[in-house]
Amino acid sequence: MSEKLLSSVKAVENFAKNLSGVLSNDYNIKLKPIKLLHASSKALGYRNWGQYFELNKPTDKDLLQANSGGKNTYLVGKSGSGKSSYIQGLLLFAANSRYRNIVILDAGLSYKRFAETRSDVSFNEITPEITSALYDYITVFELESILYEQGELSSRVINNLLLQLQNHCDAETLVIIDEAWLMPKSLFKWALTEFPGETLVSVMGHSDIETIGHKECFSGEINMEDLGLLAAG
């Protein structure tokens, strides 16, 4: 394989994973990908994988541009792994991205403080009494209160929000769904199958994707465990 094909962090990572599989399946040689990452880095003239990653790692701006993964992407990581913080890191560079605007659907107040520190963020807490919204470049809809409501009232508020999203979002909008396991399925159906733009969904495990449905609508994955491994070198 030429050095050109190993010229990015992602290329080296994928090469190490693939090589680990080939060595195990074809030659019964058991080597973890991280060891192959160190070996590949040395073969390219670096001290180890940590040095290679530090000198070649993508910035958050690059990740916002590249990790949307085609149509839809899911960000997977257990509770407390930093999914919301990672998303907020990407949003710091949002003004320079290709998106005309960004809409965030959340159910845990994760973005309230973020909105308070940014002039281009509108924070809307959706309740039975408050159903209208203020829009900005980044618009946050906090749904925790309404999700605890039951029956017709909750359905009516969610349907009203869905109509607002349909009117506000277009092919140049990025929709982010955080705390995905709490969200109404009607929002997912719209975001993944009807909405013409890109959607980033945050989940705690791969099984959540099966529960949400529409798995065929995802073409990319960002794994918090992998990011933690890479960051550690």
Protein backbone atom coordinates (compact mmCIF):
# COMPACT_ATOMS: atom_id res chain seq x y z
CA MET A 1 0.00 0.00 0.00
CA SER A 2 1.39 3.40 -0.96
CA GLU A 3 2.11 6.09 1.61
CA LYS A 4 -0.49 8.28 -0.15
CA LEU A 5 -3.22 5.86 0.93
CA LEU A 6 -2.06 6.25 4.54
CA SER A 7 -1.92 10.03 4.45
CA SER A 8 -4.77 10.67 6.91
CA VAL A 9 -5.62 9.62 10.45
CA LYS A 10 -8.77 7.84 9.29
CA ALA A 11 -6.91 5.97 6.53
CA VAL A 12 -4.28 4.67 8.97
CA GLU A 13 -6.96 3.69 11.48
CA ASN A 14 -8.97 1.78 8.85
CA PHE A 15 -5.83 0.12 7.50
CA ALA A 16 -4.89 -1.11 11.01
CA LYS A 17 -8.38 -2.50 11.65
CA ASN A 18 -8.46 -4.27 8.28
CA LEU A 19 -4.95 -5.64 8.67
CA SER A 20 -5.78 -6.95 12.14
CA GLY A 21 -8.71 -8.85 10.67
CA VAL A 22 -6.66 -10.29 7.81
CA LEU A 23 -3.85 -11.44 10.11
CA SER A 24 -6.32 -13.08 12.46
CA ASN A 25 -8.51 -14.78 9.84
CA ASP A 26 -5.89 -15.80 7.28
CA TYR A 27 -2.77 -16.34 9.35
CA ASN A 28 -4.03 -16.89 12.91
CA ILE A 29 -1.90 -13.97 14.11
CA LYS A 30 -3.59 -12.04 16.91
CA LEU A 31 -2.59 -8.38 17.02
CA LYS A 32 -4.85 -5.61 18.28
CA PRO A 33 -5.45 -2.66 15.94
CA ILE A 34 -3.79 -0.26 18.42
CA LYS A 35 -0.50 -2.18 18.13
CA LEU A 36 -0.78 -2.08 14.35
CA LEU A 37 -1.45 1.65 14.58
CA HIS A 38 1.87 2.08 16.38
CA ALA A 39 3.62 -0.13 13.80
CA SER A 40 2.04 1.69 10.85
CA SER A 41 3.01 5.06 12.32
CA LYS A 42 6.62 3.95 12.76
CA ALA A 43 6.66 2.66 9.16
CA LEU A 44 5.64 6.16 8.05
CA GLY A 45 8.49 7.74 10.00
CA TYR A 46 6.74 8.71 13.25
CA ARG A 47 7.74 7.78 16.78
CA ASN A 48 4.41 6.09 17.56
CA TRP A 49 0.69 6.41 16.93
CA GLY A 50 0.36 9.16 19.54
CA GLN A 51 2.81 11.39 17.67
CA TYR A 52 1.17 10.63 14.31
CA PHE A 53 -2.28 11.46 15.65
CA GLU A 54 -1.19 14.73 17.30
CA LEU A 55 0.44 15.93 14.07
CA ASN A 56 -2.34 14.79 11.73
CA LYS A 57 -5.54 14.73 13.79
CA PRO A 58 -8.58 16.49 12.25
CA THR A 59 -9.87 19.64 13.90
CA ASP A 60 -13.45 19.97 15.16
CA LYS A 61 -14.12 22.11 12.08
CA ASP A 62 -12.95 19.26 9.83
CA LEU A 63 -15.14 16.79 11.73
CA LEU A 64 -18.23 18.96 11.28
CA GLN A 65 -17.55 18.99 7.55
CA ALA A 66 -16.62 15.32 7.16
CA ASN A 67 -18.32 13.25 9.84
CA SER A 68 -21.88 14.00 8.78
CA GLY A 69 -21.35 10.82 6.74
CA GLY A 70 -23.52 11.40 3.69
CA LYS A 71 -27.23 11.67 4.52
CA ASN A 72 -27.41 10.75 8.21
CA THR A 73 -24.92 9.89 10.96
CA TYR A 74 -25.26 8.50 14.46
CA LEU A 75 -23.00 9.32 17.39
CA VAL A 76 -22.81 6.35 19.76
CA GLY A 77 -21.50 6.31 23.33
CA LYS A 78 -22.61 5.23 26.78
CA SER A 79 -24.09 7.69 29.27
CA GLY A 80 -21.47 10.21 30.39
CA SER A 81 -19.12 9.52 27.47
CA GLY A 82 -19.28 13.13 26.28
CA LYS A 83 -21.66 12.96 23.32
CA SER A 84 -23.34 16.31 24.00
CA SER A 85 -19.99 17.96 24.75
CA TYR A 86 -18.61 16.59 21.48
CA ILE A 87 -21.57 18.04 19.58
CA GLN A 88 -21.10 21.41 21.26
CA GLY A 89 -17.45 21.31 20.22
CA LEU A 90 -18.52 20.86 16.61
CA LEU A 91 -21.00 23.71 16.92
CA LEU A 92 -18.21 26.13 17.84
CA PHE A 93 -17.20 25.99 14.18
CA ALA A 94 -20.72 25.82 12.77
CA ALA A 95 -20.67 29.32 11.29
CA ASN A 96 -17.97 28.18 8.85
CA SER A 97 -19.78 24.99 7.86
CA ARG A 98 -21.87 24.33 4.76
CA TYR A 99 -25.15 24.44 6.70
CA ARG A 100 -27.52 27.40 6.37
CA ASN A 101 -28.87 26.73 9.85
CA ILE A 102 -28.86 24.05 12.56
CA VAL A 103 -31.75 22.69 14.64
CA ILE A 104 -31.16 20.69 17.85
CA LEU A 105 -33.80 18.50 19.50
CA ASP A 106 -32.82 17.64 23.09
CA ALA A 107 -34.42 16.27 26.25
CA GLY A 108 -31.94 16.96 29.03
CA LEU A 109 -31.11 20.70 29.16
CA SER A 110 -27.66 19.89 27.78
CA TYR A 111 -27.60 23.00 25.58
CA LYS A 112 -29.07 25.65 27.90
CA ARG A 113 -25.72 26.91 29.16
CA PHE A 114 -24.28 26.67 25.64
CA ALA A 115 -27.11 28.87 24.34
CA GLU A 116 -26.53 31.44 27.10
CA THR A 117 -22.93 31.93 25.96
CA ARG A 118 -23.68 32.33 22.25
CA SER A 119 -25.39 35.21 20.46
CA ASP A 120 -26.32 33.04 17.48
CA VAL A 121 -28.20 30.37 19.50
CA SER A 122 -31.91 30.43 20.36
CA PHE A 123 -33.04 28.18 23.23
CA ASN A 124 -36.72 27.15 23.23
CA GLU A 125 -38.20 25.07 26.03
CA ILE A 126 -41.32 23.43 24.61
CA THR A 127 -44.12 23.01 27.17
CA PRO A 128 -47.92 22.74 26.91
CA GLU A 129 -48.06 26.49 27.60
CA ILE A 130 -45.16 27.52 25.35
CA THR A 131 -45.33 26.06 21.85
CA SER A 132 -44.02 28.91 19.67
CA ALA A 133 -40.32 29.26 18.94
CA LEU A 134 -37.66 31.86 18.28
CA TYR A 135 -35.23 30.92 15.53
CA ASP A 136 -31.55 31.76 15.09
CA TYR A 137 -28.62 30.27 13.18
CA ILE A 138 -28.62 27.48 15.81
CA THR A 139 -32.07 26.76 17.27
CA VAL A 140 -32.43 24.46 20.27
CA PHE A 141 -35.74 22.80 21.17
CA GLU A 142 -35.72 21.43 24.72
CA LEU A 143 -38.47 18.78 24.98
CA GLU A 144 -37.94 17.32 28.45
CA SER A 145 -41.09 18.89 29.96
CA ILE A 146 -43.47 17.88 27.19
CA LEU A 147 -42.17 14.30 27.03
CA TYR A 148 -43.45 13.72 30.57
CA GLU A 149 -46.96 14.65 29.45
CA GLN A 150 -49.27 11.87 28.32
CA GLY A 151 -51.97 11.45 25.71
CA GLU A 152 -53.58 13.97 23.40
CA LEU A 153 -51.90 17.07 24.85
CA SER A 154 -48.40 15.75 24.28
CA SER A 155 -49.29 14.54 20.78
CA ARG A 156 -50.74 17.92 19.86
CA VAL A 157 -47.65 19.82 21.01
CA ILE A 158 -45.30 17.40 19.20
CA ASN A 159 -47.35 17.65 16.01
CA ASN A 160 -47.24 21.44 16.22
CA LEU A 161 -43.45 21.32 16.62
CA LEU A 162 -43.22 18.98 13.64
CA LEU A 163 -45.13 21.47 11.48
CA GLN A 164 -42.76 24.23 12.58
CA LEU A 165 -39.74 22.10 11.66
CA GLN A 166 -41.19 21.25 8.26
CA ASN A 167 -41.60 24.96 7.54
CA HIS A 168 -38.21 26.02 8.91
CA CYS A 169 -35.84 23.26 7.76
CA ASP A 170 -34.62 22.61 4.24
CA ALA A 171 -31.86 20.72 2.42
CA GLU A 172 -29.21 23.10 3.84
CA THR A 173 -30.24 22.51 7.46
CA LEU A 174 -28.46 20.15 9.86
CA VAL A 175 -30.81 18.51 12.38
CA ILE A 176 -29.24 17.12 15.57
CA ILE A 177 -31.29 14.76 17.77
CA ASP A 178 -29.71 14.30 21.20
CA GLU A 179 -31.03 11.94 23.89
CA ALA A 180 -32.47 9.96 20.99
CA TRP A 181 -33.94 7.15 23.09
CA LEU A 182 -36.40 9.63 24.64
CA MET A 183 -37.67 11.22 21.45
CA PRO A 184 -41.09 10.56 19.85
CA LYS A 185 -40.84 8.27 16.84
CA SER A 186 -42.76 10.76 14.71
CA LEU A 187 -39.80 13.16 14.94
CA PHE A 188 -37.41 10.41 13.86
CA LYS A 189 -39.57 9.39 10.93
CA TRP A 190 -39.61 12.96 9.68
CA ALA A 191 -35.89 13.60 10.32
CA LEU A 192 -34.68 10.36 8.73
CA THR A 193 -37.13 9.74 5.89
CA GLU A 194 -38.83 13.03 4.94
CA PHE A 195 -36.46 15.86 5.87
CA PRO A 196 -34.23 16.60 2.83
CA GLY A 197 -31.17 17.68 4.83
CA GLU A 198 -28.73 15.80 7.05
CA THR A 199 -29.43 14.43 10.53
CA LEU A 200 -27.00 13.61 13.36
CA VAL A 201 -28.50 11.30 16.00
CA SER A 202 -26.98 10.68 19.45
CA VAL A 203 -27.54 7.19 20.90
CA MET A 204 -26.20 5.22 23.88
CA GLY A 205 -25.70 1.94 22.01
CA HIS A 206 -26.00 0.31 18.63
CA SER A 207 -29.21 -1.39 19.76
CA ASP A 208 -30.84 2.06 19.93
CA ILE A 209 -30.53 2.30 16.15
CA GLU A 210 -32.56 -0.88 15.83
CA THR A 211 -35.18 0.52 18.22
CA ILE A 212 -35.41 3.84 16.40
CA GLY A 213 -35.85 2.08 13.08
CA HIS A 214 -34.95 3.36 9.62
CA LYS A 215 -31.44 1.92 9.98
CA GLU A 216 -31.04 2.06 6.22
CA CYS A 217 -31.16 5.86 6.43
CA PHE A 218 -27.79 6.00 8.25
CA SER A 219 -24.56 5.97 6.29
CA GLY A 220 -22.01 6.87 8.95
CA GLU A 221 -21.06 6.35 12.60
CA ILE A 222 -19.01 8.31 15.12
CA ASN A 223 -18.06 6.13 18.10
CA MET A 224 -17.13 7.94 21.31
CA GLU A 225 -15.06 4.95 22.43
CA ASP A 226 -12.95 5.16 19.30
CA LEU A 227 -12.49 8.90 19.73
CA GLY A 228 -11.41 8.36 23.32
CA LEU A 229 -8.87 5.72 22.24
CA LEU A 230 -7.44 7.99 19.57
CA ALA A 231 -7.26 10.98 21.86
CA ALA A 232 -5.32 8.92 24.37
CA GLY A 233 -2.83 7.93 21.68
